[in-house]
Protein backbone atom coordinates (compact mmCIF):
# COMPACT_ATOMS: atom_id res chain seq x y z
CA MET A 1 105.88 134.49 94.77
CA GLU A 2 108.48 134.32 97.44
CA GLU A 3 109.87 138.02 98.64
CA ASN A 4 113.98 137.84 96.98
CA THR A 5 111.54 136.29 93.85
CA ILE A 6 109.39 139.94 94.14
CA ASN A 7 112.40 142.34 94.96
CA ILE A 8 114.67 141.17 91.78
CA ALA A 9 111.40 141.46 88.75
CA TYR A 10 110.88 144.70 90.69
CA GLY A 11 114.41 145.76 90.73
CA ILE A 12 115.13 144.56 86.82
CA SER A 13 112.03 146.67 85.85
CA LEU A 14 113.46 150.16 86.81
CA MET A 15 116.71 149.82 86.05
CA MET A 16 114.57 148.31 82.56
CA LYS A 17 112.56 151.84 82.35
CA LYS A 18 115.19 154.57 82.96
CA HIS A 19 117.45 152.40 81.50
CA GLY A 20 116.51 151.15 78.23
CA LYS A 21 117.97 147.51 77.37
CA LEU A 22 120.12 145.99 79.74
CA SER A 23 122.50 143.72 80.15
CA GLN A 24 123.53 141.46 82.89
CA ALA A 25 127.04 142.59 84.06
CA LYS A 26 125.24 146.18 83.17
CA ALA A 27 122.22 145.35 85.92
CA SER A 28 124.50 144.09 88.54
CA LYS A 29 126.82 147.34 88.59
CA ARG A 30 123.76 149.68 88.16
CA PHE A 31 121.79 147.69 91.61
CA LYS A 32 125.78 148.15 93.52
CA GLN A 33 125.41 151.60 92.74
CA PHE A 34 122.47 151.96 94.16
CA LEU A 35 122.39 149.50 97.37
CA SER A 36 125.83 152.48 98.27
CA GLU A 37 124.06 155.45 97.05
CA ILE A 38 120.92 153.92 99.99
CA GLU A 39 122.65 152.57 102.60
CA PRO A 40 122.35 155.45 105.33
CA PHE A 41 119.05 155.45 104.58
CA ILE A 42 117.47 152.22 104.79
CA SER A 43 117.57 149.86 108.07
CA GLU A 44 120.44 147.22 108.75
CA ASP A 45 117.67 144.70 107.65
CA GLU A 46 116.65 146.00 104.58
CA PHE A 47 120.31 146.63 103.36
CA TRP A 48 121.32 142.35 103.84
CA GLU A 49 117.46 141.64 101.94
CA LEU A 50 119.31 144.18 99.43
CA THR A 51 123.21 142.38 99.07
CA GLU A 52 120.92 138.65 98.76
CA ILE A 53 119.95 140.45 95.50
CA GLU A 54 123.17 142.07 94.36
CA ASN A 55 125.01 138.91 95.18
CA SER A 56 122.24 136.87 92.80
CA LEU A 57 122.55 139.44 90.28
CA GLN A 58 126.43 138.75 89.73
CA ILE A 59 126.28 134.93 89.94
CA MET A 60 123.37 134.32 87.85
CA GLU A 61 124.12 132.40 84.31
CA SER A 62 123.05 135.42 81.49
CA LYS A 63 119.30 132.83 80.69
CA GLU A 64 118.58 132.94 84.44
CA PHE A 65 118.95 137.14 83.27
CA GLU A 66 116.35 136.91 81.04
CA ALA A 67 114.54 134.51 82.05
CA TRP A 68 114.23 137.74 84.98
CA LYS A 69 114.07 140.65 82.22
CA ARG A 70 110.67 138.51 80.93
CA ILE A 71 109.25 138.36 84.46
CA ALA A 72 110.19 141.80 84.35
CA SER A 73 108.88 142.72 81.60
CA GLN A 74 105.37 140.81 81.90
CA PHE A 75 104.26 141.98 86.09
CA TYR A 76 105.77 145.35 84.87
CA THR A 77 106.13 148.70 82.84
CA THR A 78 109.87 147.95 81.83
CA ARG A 79 109.43 151.20 79.61
CA ALA A 80 109.25 155.03 80.21
CA GLN A 81 105.71 156.19 79.27
């Protein structure tokens, strides 16, 4: 799997774990907020990598987003324990 692929699934899993049900619009908004909060603490390369993920979340179709949620659920914990 490509690194961005892993990061998208992992990022979605973390948001699902924290917020429960997750729509694409909410995921995109929360990821953008998260990125702005951590920007001072990450390298420029990490920032651009995460920006690519944010952009992917914004432009993907809803069916693709639902598929990512299924992948996230399959490989990562998506519920608070």
